Amino acid sequence: MTYAIKWASALTALALLAAPAAQAAPSAMLSTAEKLTLKGKKGESLFRPGYVLGEYTGASGGVASSTRAAGVYAKDKLKADFTVMRPGWSAPVTVTCSGGQSRLGLGWITFKRDTLDYICEFGGTAPAGATFALAMTKGGFLQEMAQPQRAGELQYGGVTLRAQTKFLGGLPMGGGGATSYVFSKGEQEIGGLQLNAFPPAFYLPPQGSADRDAAAILSLILFYFRDPGRQDH
């Protein structure tokens, strides 16, 4: 009985915590971005399935689960890699990500961060100097169930995009991981990723936008990222 009362109290508190997010004004980006879903296709091998996202195609693999110790996830336990190709490119862009030390300052992030970031290295036809880092924090039980804080930055071919957790709709519970991200360039929101939708929704700037390639790669990084807060990863 005592357990039932505590659980009911937790659910009530969670509903109150989630209410402000659910009542927040919708992102203006939702009315200007193109909404896409990721579709599967034949990949390079059984262990590297393919995908299609609008005009972008590629294959993914090397995903591993994460572990935590003293609030820091092990560098060799959190990995993902994928390729990205679209018409007009001579060869794919390669992206390899894992836990590690970021080259980006990310001084604009205000929340208390884990010691290590989730970082990505780029190859293939990626522009020189491309870099990405995602910072994470771990809050209390109710905060983690609703929407933990994550914030990152992608520098890609002269375009700098920031990604921050922000509620975009659906259930305000991510099972310990992020439910959705919004991408911004300067003060303008230009794209996003909703992970708690079925299927997940990718929001990219319209075709022809100078930010579309960077936003597509950013959304794929966050989609393939195995959030250490999620219990099923």
C-alpha atoms as a PDB file:
ATOM      1  CA  MET A   1       0.000   0.000   0.000  1.00  0.00           C
ATOM      2  CA  THR A   2       2.794   2.371   0.914  1.00  0.00           C
ATOM      3  CA  TYR A   3       4.508   1.649  -2.428  1.00  0.00           C
ATOM      4  CA  ALA A   4       1.263   2.336  -4.311  1.00  0.00           C
ATOM      5  CA  ILE A   5       0.825   5.666  -2.561  1.00  0.00           C
ATOM      6  CA  LYS A   6       4.400   6.712  -3.300  1.00  0.00           C
ATOM      7  CA  TRP A   7       4.022   5.706  -6.961  1.00  0.00           C
ATOM      8  CA  ALA A   8       0.756   7.612  -7.278  1.00  0.00           C
ATOM      9  CA  SER A   9       2.406  10.667  -5.734  1.00  0.00           C
ATOM     10  CA  ALA A  10       5.286  10.361  -8.192  1.00  0.00           C
ATOM     11  CA  LEU A  11       2.899  10.195 -11.134  1.00  0.00           C
ATOM     12  CA  THR A  12       1.027  13.252  -9.880  1.00  0.00           C
ATOM     13  CA  ALA A  13       4.260  15.169  -9.484  1.00  0.00           C
ATOM     14  CA  LEU A  14       5.346  14.067 -12.941  1.00  0.00           C
ATOM     15  CA  ALA A  15       2.098  15.331 -14.459  1.00  0.00           C
ATOM     16  CA  LEU A  16       2.638  18.705 -12.786  1.00  0.00           C
ATOM     17  CA  LEU A  17       6.234  18.792 -14.002  1.00  0.00           C
ATOM     18  CA  ALA A  18       5.236  17.976 -17.565  1.00  0.00           C
ATOM     19  CA  ALA A  19       2.345  20.453 -17.667  1.00  0.00           C
ATOM     20  CA  PRO A  20       4.417  23.580 -18.401  1.00  0.00           C
ATOM     21  CA  ALA A  21       6.108  21.812 -21.322  1.00  0.00           C
ATOM     22  CA  ALA A  22       2.805  20.623 -22.738  1.00  0.00           C
ATOM     23  CA  GLN A  23       1.318  24.132 -22.494  1.00  0.00           C
ATOM     24  CA  ALA A  24       4.336  25.879 -24.031  1.00  0.00           C
ATOM     25  CA  ALA A  25       3.834  27.719 -27.299  1.00  0.00           C
ATOM     26  CA  PRO A  26       4.665  25.479 -30.268  1.00  0.00           C
ATOM     27  CA  SER A  27       7.933  26.116 -32.040  1.00  0.00           C
ATOM     28  CA  ALA A  28       7.528  28.420 -35.056  1.00  0.00           C
ATOM     29  CA  MET A  29       9.880  26.021 -36.829  1.00  0.00           C
ATOM     30  CA  LEU A  30       7.059  23.474 -37.134  1.00  0.00           C
ATOM     31  CA  SER A  31       5.258  25.674 -39.681  1.00  0.00           C
ATOM     32  CA  THR A  32       8.303  26.336 -41.867  1.00  0.00           C
ATOM     33  CA  ALA A  33      10.393  23.133 -41.785  1.00  0.00           C
ATOM     34  CA  GLU A  34       9.811  20.057 -43.936  1.00  0.00           C
ATOM     35  CA  LYS A  35       8.640  17.078 -41.868  1.00  0.00           C
ATOM     36  CA  LEU A  36      10.271  13.781 -42.875  1.00  0.00           C
ATOM     37  CA  THR A  37      10.450  10.238 -41.545  1.00  0.00           C
ATOM     38  CA  LEU A  38      13.346   7.824 -41.756  1.00  0.00           C
ATOM     39  CA  LYS A  39      12.702   4.814 -43.987  1.00  0.00           C
ATOM     40  CA  GLY A  40      14.675   1.602 -44.169  1.00  0.00           C
ATOM     41  CA  LYS A  41      16.364   0.194 -47.261  1.00  0.00           C
ATOM     42  CA  LYS A  42      18.869  -2.506 -48.140  1.00  0.00           C
ATOM     43  CA  GLY A  43      22.178  -1.655 -46.540  1.00  0.00           C
ATOM     44  CA  GLU A  44      25.814  -2.534 -46.998  1.00  0.00           C
ATOM     45  CA  SER A  45      25.436  -5.731 -44.960  1.00  0.00           C
ATOM     46  CA  LEU A  46      23.211  -7.406 -42.393  1.00  0.00           C
ATOM     47  CA  PHE A  47      24.912  -5.392 -39.668  1.00  0.00           C
ATOM     48  CA  ARG A  48      24.810  -2.076 -41.543  1.00  0.00           C
ATOM     49  CA  PRO A  49      21.199  -1.446 -42.533  1.00  0.00           C
ATOM     50  CA  GLY A  50      20.419   1.349 -44.956  1.00  0.00           C
ATOM     51  CA  TYR A  51      18.119   4.334 -44.578  1.00  0.00           C
ATOM     52  CA  VAL A  52      16.425   7.044 -46.638  1.00  0.00           C
ATOM     53  CA  LEU A  53      15.643  10.501 -45.258  1.00  0.00           C
ATOM     54  CA  GLY A  54      14.244  12.698 -47.991  1.00  0.00           C
ATOM     55  CA  GLU A  55      17.046  13.006 -50.569  1.00  0.00           C
ATOM     56  CA  TYR A  56      19.624  11.679 -48.089  1.00  0.00           C
ATOM     57  CA  THR A  57      20.631   8.016 -47.998  1.00  0.00           C
ATOM     58  CA  GLY A  58      23.216   5.985 -46.136  1.00  0.00           C
ATOM     59  CA  ALA A  59      23.897   3.092 -43.804  1.00  0.00           C
ATOM     60  CA  SER A  60      24.451   2.838 -40.071  1.00  0.00           C
ATOM     61  CA  GLY A  61      26.235   0.489 -37.730  1.00  0.00           C
ATOM     62  CA  GLY A  62      28.520   0.176 -34.753  1.00  0.00           C
ATOM     63  CA  VAL A  63      25.881   1.110 -32.186  1.00  0.00           C
ATOM     64  CA  ALA A  64      26.757   0.100 -28.624  1.00  0.00           C
ATOM     65  CA  SER A  65      24.992   0.539 -25.314  1.00  0.00           C
ATOM     66  CA  SER A  66      26.287   2.949 -22.698  1.00  0.00           C
ATOM     67  CA  THR A  67      27.289   2.516 -19.084  1.00  0.00           C
ATOM     68  CA  ARG A  68      27.759   5.100 -16.365  1.00  0.00           C
ATOM     69  CA  ALA A  69      30.123   5.375 -13.453  1.00  0.00           C
ATOM     70  CA  ALA A  70      30.089   8.348 -11.091  1.00  0.00           C
ATOM     71  CA  GLY A  71      28.011  10.310 -13.604  1.00  0.00           C
ATOM     72  CA  VAL A  72      30.450   9.758 -16.485  1.00  0.00           C
ATOM     73  CA  TYR A  73      29.793   7.307 -19.296  1.00  0.00           C
ATOM     74  CA  ALA A  74      32.649   5.150 -20.530  1.00  0.00           C
ATOM     75  CA  LYS A  75      34.228   6.340 -23.767  1.00  0.00           C
ATOM     76  CA  ASP A  76      34.401   2.864 -25.284  1.00  0.00           C
ATOM     77  CA  LYS A  77      30.797   1.979 -24.470  1.00  0.00           C
ATOM     78  CA  LEU A  78      28.958   4.649 -26.427  1.00  0.00           C
ATOM     79  CA  LYS A  79      29.555   4.465 -30.154  1.00  0.00           C
ATOM     80  CA  ALA A  80      27.681   4.966 -33.415  1.00  0.00           C
ATOM     81  CA  ASP A  81      28.694   5.487 -37.020  1.00  0.00           C
ATOM     82  CA  PHE A  82      26.846   6.144 -40.245  1.00  0.00           C
ATOM     83  CA  THR A  83      27.261   7.485 -43.757  1.00  0.00           C
ATOM     84  CA  VAL A  84      25.312  10.231 -45.538  1.00  0.00           C
ATOM     85  CA  MET A  85      24.940  10.686 -49.299  1.00  0.00           C
ATOM     86  CA  ARG A  86      22.749  12.897 -51.459  1.00  0.00           C
ATOM     87  CA  PRO A  87      22.538  13.821 -55.158  1.00  0.00           C
ATOM     88  CA  GLY A  88      25.317  16.244 -56.059  1.00  0.00           C
ATOM     89  CA  TRP A  89      27.913  14.783 -53.721  1.00  0.00           C
ATOM     90  CA  SER A  90      30.806  12.848 -55.252  1.00  0.00           C
ATOM     91  CA  ALA A  91      31.031  10.436 -52.302  1.00  0.00           C
ATOM     92  CA  PRO A  92      29.405   9.946 -48.893  1.00  0.00           C
ATOM     93  CA  VAL A  93      30.121  11.844 -45.705  1.00  0.00           C
ATOM     94  CA  THR A  94      31.183   9.538 -42.867  1.00  0.00           C
ATOM     95  CA  VAL A  95      30.312  10.240 -39.225  1.00  0.00           C
ATOM     96  CA  THR A  96      31.803   8.388 -36.244  1.00  0.00           C
ATOM     97  CA  CYS A  97      30.693   9.262 -32.718  1.00  0.00           C
ATOM     98  CA  SER A  98      31.603   8.260 -29.162  1.00  0.00           C
ATOM     99  CA  GLY A  99      32.154   9.682 -25.702  1.00  0.00           C
ATOM    100  CA  GLY A 100      35.215  11.869 -25.288  1.00  0.00           C
ATOM    101  CA  GLN A 101      36.750  15.291 -24.815  1.00  0.00           C
ATOM    102  CA  SER A 102      35.243  18.006 -27.005  1.00  0.00           C
ATOM    103  CA  ARG A 103      37.256  20.559 -28.976  1.00  0.00           C
ATOM    104  CA  LEU A 104      34.281  22.925 -28.767  1.00  0.00           C
ATOM    105  CA  GLY A 105      34.028  25.296 -25.825  1.00  0.00           C
ATOM    106  CA  LEU A 106      30.210  25.184 -25.583  1.00  0.00           C
ATOM    107  CA  GLY A 107      30.431  28.063 -23.120  1.00  0.00           C
ATOM    108  CA  TRP A 108      26.811  28.986 -23.897  1.00  0.00           C
ATOM    109  CA  ILE A 109      25.530  25.878 -22.064  1.00  0.00           C
ATOM    110  CA  THR A 110      24.374  26.827 -18.572  1.00  0.00           C
ATOM    111  CA  PHE A 111      23.380  23.505 -16.983  1.00  0.00           C
ATOM    112  CA  LYS A 112      25.753  21.339 -14.946  1.00  0.00           C
ATOM    113  CA  ARG A 113      27.430  18.969 -17.381  1.00  0.00           C
ATOM    114  CA  ASP A 114      28.896  15.490 -17.301  1.00  0.00           C
ATOM    115  CA  THR A 115      32.676  15.363 -17.466  1.00  0.00           C
ATOM    116  CA  LEU A 116      32.706  13.881 -20.967  1.00  0.00           C
ATOM    117  CA  ASP A 117      30.750  14.952 -24.036  1.00  0.00           C
ATOM    118  CA  TYR A 118      29.401  12.872 -26.900  1.00  0.00           C
ATOM    119  CA  ILE A 119      31.549  13.876 -29.872  1.00  0.00           C
ATOM    120  CA  CYS A 120      31.625  13.073 -33.593  1.00  0.00           C
ATOM    121  CA  GLU A 121      34.416  12.981 -36.150  1.00  0.00           C
ATOM    122  CA  PHE A 122      33.759  13.487 -39.857  1.00  0.00           C
ATOM    123  CA  GLY A 123      35.374  12.043 -42.966  1.00  0.00           C
ATOM    124  CA  GLY A 124      34.672  11.285 -46.601  1.00  0.00           C
ATOM    125  CA  THR A 125      33.451  14.404 -48.369  1.00  0.00           C
ATOM    126  CA  ALA A 126      32.674  16.311 -45.166  1.00  0.00           C
ATOM    127  CA  PRO A 127      34.047  19.870 -45.199  1.00  0.00           C
ATOM    128  CA  ALA A 128      37.335  20.422 -43.407  1.00  0.00           C
ATOM    129  CA  GLY A 129      36.953  21.426 -39.776  1.00  0.00           C
ATOM    130  CA  ALA A 130      33.512  19.842 -39.285  1.00  0.00           C
ATOM    131  CA  THR A 131      32.939  19.036 -35.610  1.00  0.00           C
ATOM    132  CA  PHE A 132      30.136  18.165 -33.197  1.00  0.00           C
ATOM    133  CA  ALA A 133      29.763  17.851 -29.429  1.00  0.00           C
ATOM    134  CA  LEU A 134      26.746  17.091 -27.218  1.00  0.00           C
ATOM    135  CA  ALA A 135      26.753  17.874 -23.496  1.00  0.00           C
ATOM    136  CA  MET A 136      24.512  16.046 -21.041  1.00  0.00           C
ATOM    137  CA  THR A 137      23.327  16.379 -17.482  1.00  0.00           C
ATOM    138  CA  LYS A 138      21.578  13.976 -15.168  1.00  0.00           C
ATOM    139  CA  GLY A 139      18.756  15.383 -13.053  1.00  0.00           C
ATOM    140  CA  GLY A 140      16.414  13.834 -10.522  1.00  0.00           C
ATOM    141  CA  PHE A 141      14.021  10.982 -11.252  1.00  0.00           C
ATOM    142  CA  LEU A 142      11.066  13.127 -12.326  1.00  0.00           C
ATOM    143  CA  GLN A 143      13.163  15.410 -14.528  1.00  0.00           C
ATOM    144  CA  GLU A 144      14.754  12.447 -16.256  1.00  0.00           C
ATOM    145  CA  MET A 145      11.380  10.829 -16.933  1.00  0.00           C
ATOM    146  CA  ALA A 146      10.001  14.012 -18.488  1.00  0.00           C
ATOM    147  CA  GLN A 147      12.876  15.531 -20.487  1.00  0.00           C
ATOM    148  CA  PRO A 148      16.547  15.532 -19.437  1.00  0.00           C
ATOM    149  CA  GLN A 149      18.735  18.396 -20.591  1.00  0.00           C
ATOM    150  CA  ARG A 150      20.933  17.857 -23.614  1.00  0.00           C
ATOM    151  CA  ALA A 151      22.611  20.570 -25.686  1.00  0.00           C
ATOM    152  CA  GLY A 152      25.068  20.379 -28.550  1.00  0.00           C
ATOM    153  CA  GLU A 153      26.657  22.251 -31.408  1.00  0.00           C
ATOM    154  CA  LEU A 154      27.510  21.291 -34.978  1.00  0.00           C
ATOM    155  CA  GLN A 155      29.991  23.253 -37.076  1.00  0.00           C
ATOM    156  CA  TYR A 156      29.722  22.116 -40.681  1.00  0.00           C
ATOM    157  CA  GLY A 157      30.892  23.905 -43.812  1.00  0.00           C
ATOM    158  CA  GLY A 158      30.547  27.405 -42.432  1.00  0.00           C
ATOM    159  CA  VAL A 159      27.177  26.645 -40.780  1.00  0.00           C
ATOM    160  CA  THR A 160      26.884  26.537 -36.991  1.00  0.00           C
ATOM    161  CA  LEU A 161      23.763  24.907 -35.561  1.00  0.00           C
ATOM    162  CA  ARG A 162      22.852  24.436 -31.924  1.00  0.00           C
ATOM    163  CA  ALA A 163      20.594  21.640 -30.683  1.00  0.00           C
ATOM    164  CA  GLN A 164      18.726  21.810 -27.397  1.00  0.00           C
ATOM    165  CA  THR A 165      16.099  19.619 -25.793  1.00  0.00           C
ATOM    166  CA  LYS A 166      12.684  21.206 -26.203  1.00  0.00           C
ATOM    167  CA  PHE A 167       9.211  19.650 -26.060  1.00  0.00           C
ATOM    168  CA  LEU A 168       7.637  19.400 -29.537  1.00  0.00           C
ATOM    169  CA  GLY A 169       4.545  17.313 -28.790  1.00  0.00           C
ATOM    170  CA  GLY A 170       3.428  13.805 -27.942  1.00  0.00           C
ATOM    171  CA  LEU A 171       3.889  12.287 -24.504  1.00  0.00           C
ATOM    172  CA  PRO A 172       6.162  14.416 -22.300  1.00  0.00           C
ATOM    173  CA  MET A 173       8.012  11.316 -21.112  1.00  0.00           C
ATOM    174  CA  GLY A 174      11.158   9.984 -22.737  1.00  0.00           C
ATOM    175  CA  GLY A 175      11.839   6.990 -20.512  1.00  0.00           C
ATOM    176  CA  GLY A 176      14.918   8.752 -19.197  1.00  0.00           C
ATOM    177  CA  GLY A 177      16.135  10.051 -22.560  1.00  0.00           C
ATOM    178  CA  ALA A 178      15.442  13.162 -24.608  1.00  0.00           C
ATOM    179  CA  THR A 179      12.014  13.338 -26.249  1.00  0.00           C
ATOM    180  CA  SER A 180      12.817  16.029 -28.813  1.00  0.00           C
ATOM    181  CA  TYR A 181      15.381  18.579 -29.941  1.00  0.00           C
ATOM    182  CA  VAL A 182      15.119  21.948 -31.665  1.00  0.00           C
ATOM    183  CA  PHE A 183      17.915  23.207 -33.928  1.00  0.00           C
ATOM    184  CA  SER A 184      18.732  26.894 -34.041  1.00  0.00           C
ATOM    185  CA  LYS A 185      21.000  29.094 -36.119  1.00  0.00           C
ATOM    186  CA  GLY A 186      21.655  32.203 -34.128  1.00  0.00           C
ATOM    187  CA  GLU A 187      18.308  33.199 -32.657  1.00  0.00           C
ATOM    188  CA  GLN A 188      16.241  31.435 -35.338  1.00  0.00           C
ATOM    189  CA  GLU A 189      14.859  27.904 -34.939  1.00  0.00           C
ATOM    190  CA  ILE A 190      15.331  26.127 -38.274  1.00  0.00           C
ATOM    191  CA  GLY A 191      14.776  22.401 -37.611  1.00  0.00           C
ATOM    192  CA  GLY A 192      14.351  19.676 -35.067  1.00  0.00           C
ATOM    193  CA  LEU A 193      13.899  16.019 -34.181  1.00  0.00           C
ATOM    194  CA  GLN A 194      10.960  14.492 -32.309  1.00  0.00           C
ATOM    195  CA  LEU A 195      11.973  11.128 -30.864  1.00  0.00           C
ATOM    196  CA  ASN A 196       8.749  10.436 -28.947  1.00  0.00           C
ATOM    197  CA  ALA A 197       6.672  10.428 -32.147  1.00  0.00           C
ATOM    198  CA  PHE A 198       5.874   7.198 -33.989  1.00  0.00           C
ATOM    199  CA  PRO A 199       7.669   7.107 -36.290  1.00  0.00           C
ATOM    200  CA  PRO A 200      10.213   9.729 -35.152  1.00  0.00           C
ATOM    201  CA  ALA A 201       9.762  13.043 -36.993  1.00  0.00           C
ATOM    202  CA  PHE A 202      12.668  14.854 -38.636  1.00  0.00           C
ATOM    203  CA  TYR A 203      12.193  18.584 -39.314  1.00  0.00           C
ATOM    204  CA  LEU A 204      14.597  20.007 -41.905  1.00  0.00           C
ATOM    205  CA  PRO A 205      14.853  23.455 -43.505  1.00  0.00           C
ATOM    206  CA  PRO A 206      13.201  23.541 -46.964  1.00  0.00           C
ATOM    207  CA  GLN A 207      15.099  22.119 -49.936  1.00  0.00           C
ATOM    208  CA  GLY A 208      17.480  24.704 -51.313  1.00  0.00           C
ATOM    209  CA  SER A 209      18.284  26.092 -47.863  1.00  0.00           C
ATOM    210  CA  ALA A 210      21.988  26.539 -47.123  1.00  0.00           C
ATOM    211  CA  ASP A 211      21.352  24.958 -43.721  1.00  0.00           C
ATOM    212  CA  ARG A 212      19.609  21.787 -44.910  1.00  0.00           C
ATOM    213  CA  ASP A 213      22.685  19.528 -45.180  1.00  0.00           C
ATOM    214  CA  ALA A 214      23.924  20.509 -41.712  1.00  0.00           C
ATOM    215  CA  ALA A 215      20.454  20.052 -40.210  1.00  0.00           C
ATOM    216  CA  ALA A 216      20.080  16.619 -41.831  1.00  0.00           C
ATOM    217  CA  ILE A 217      23.433  15.451 -40.454  1.00  0.00           C
ATOM    218  CA  LEU A 218      22.648  16.904 -37.018  1.00  0.00           C
ATOM    219  CA  SER A 219      19.301  15.110 -36.908  1.00  0.00           C
ATOM    220  CA  LEU A 220      20.925  11.800 -37.886  1.00  0.00           C
ATOM    221  CA  ILE A 221      23.597  12.205 -35.205  1.00  0.00           C
ATOM    222  CA  LEU A 222      20.948  12.703 -32.540  1.00  0.00           C
ATOM    223  CA  PHE A 223      18.758   9.905 -33.902  1.00  0.00           C
ATOM    224  CA  TYR A 224      21.567   7.345 -33.817  1.00  0.00           C
ATOM    225  CA  PHE A 225      22.835   8.620 -30.452  1.00  0.00           C
ATOM    226  CA  ARG A 226      22.026   6.049 -27.773  1.00  0.00           C
ATOM    227  CA  ASP A 227      21.003   8.354 -24.945  1.00  0.00           C
ATOM    228  CA  PRO A 228      22.483   6.931 -21.737  1.00  0.00           C
ATOM    229  CA  GLY A 229      19.368   8.041 -19.871  1.00  0.00           C
ATOM    230  CA  ARG A 230      17.155   5.633 -21.795  1.00  0.00           C
ATOM    231  CA  GLN A 231      16.622   2.328 -20.038  1.00  0.00           C
ATOM    232  CA  ASP A 232      16.188   0.372 -23.298  1.00  0.00           C
ATOM    233  CA  HIS A 233      19.614   1.282 -24.711  1.00  0.00           C
END
